[in-house]
């Protein structure tokens, strides 16, 4: 059973940076999975941040985040990363990573229902 565990969240001042990690276990074929990052702020719906293909060769971002956020993966470590720069208070949210079998769609998907497995989330709080 595939399991995802996020880490790296915390409290950061506006303008700062954080790198979140998502460690994947329970599979011998991590590169078969497309990976996505979502976030959910208090009182708001969960939203797509970005995703990465199984090989790592393709990425896709929500338009409002593409200038500041970068997704990468290390298939030798079964880990995907979310580098967040120039953080703003409105980036405060619980950040989740999620996985799906990339061959099902052959592209990076941005809808929650298309993802099969989710992590428990990590809190990111950006203060003024």
Foldseek 3Di string as FASTA:
>chain_A
DKAKAKDFADEAAAQAKTKMKIAIDDDPQLLQKKKFKWWDDPPGDIFTAKIAHSVRPDIDGDPVQPVFWDWGDDPVRRMIMIIGGRDDQVVWTWMKMFIARCVVPVDHDTDPVRTDYIHPTDTHGYHD
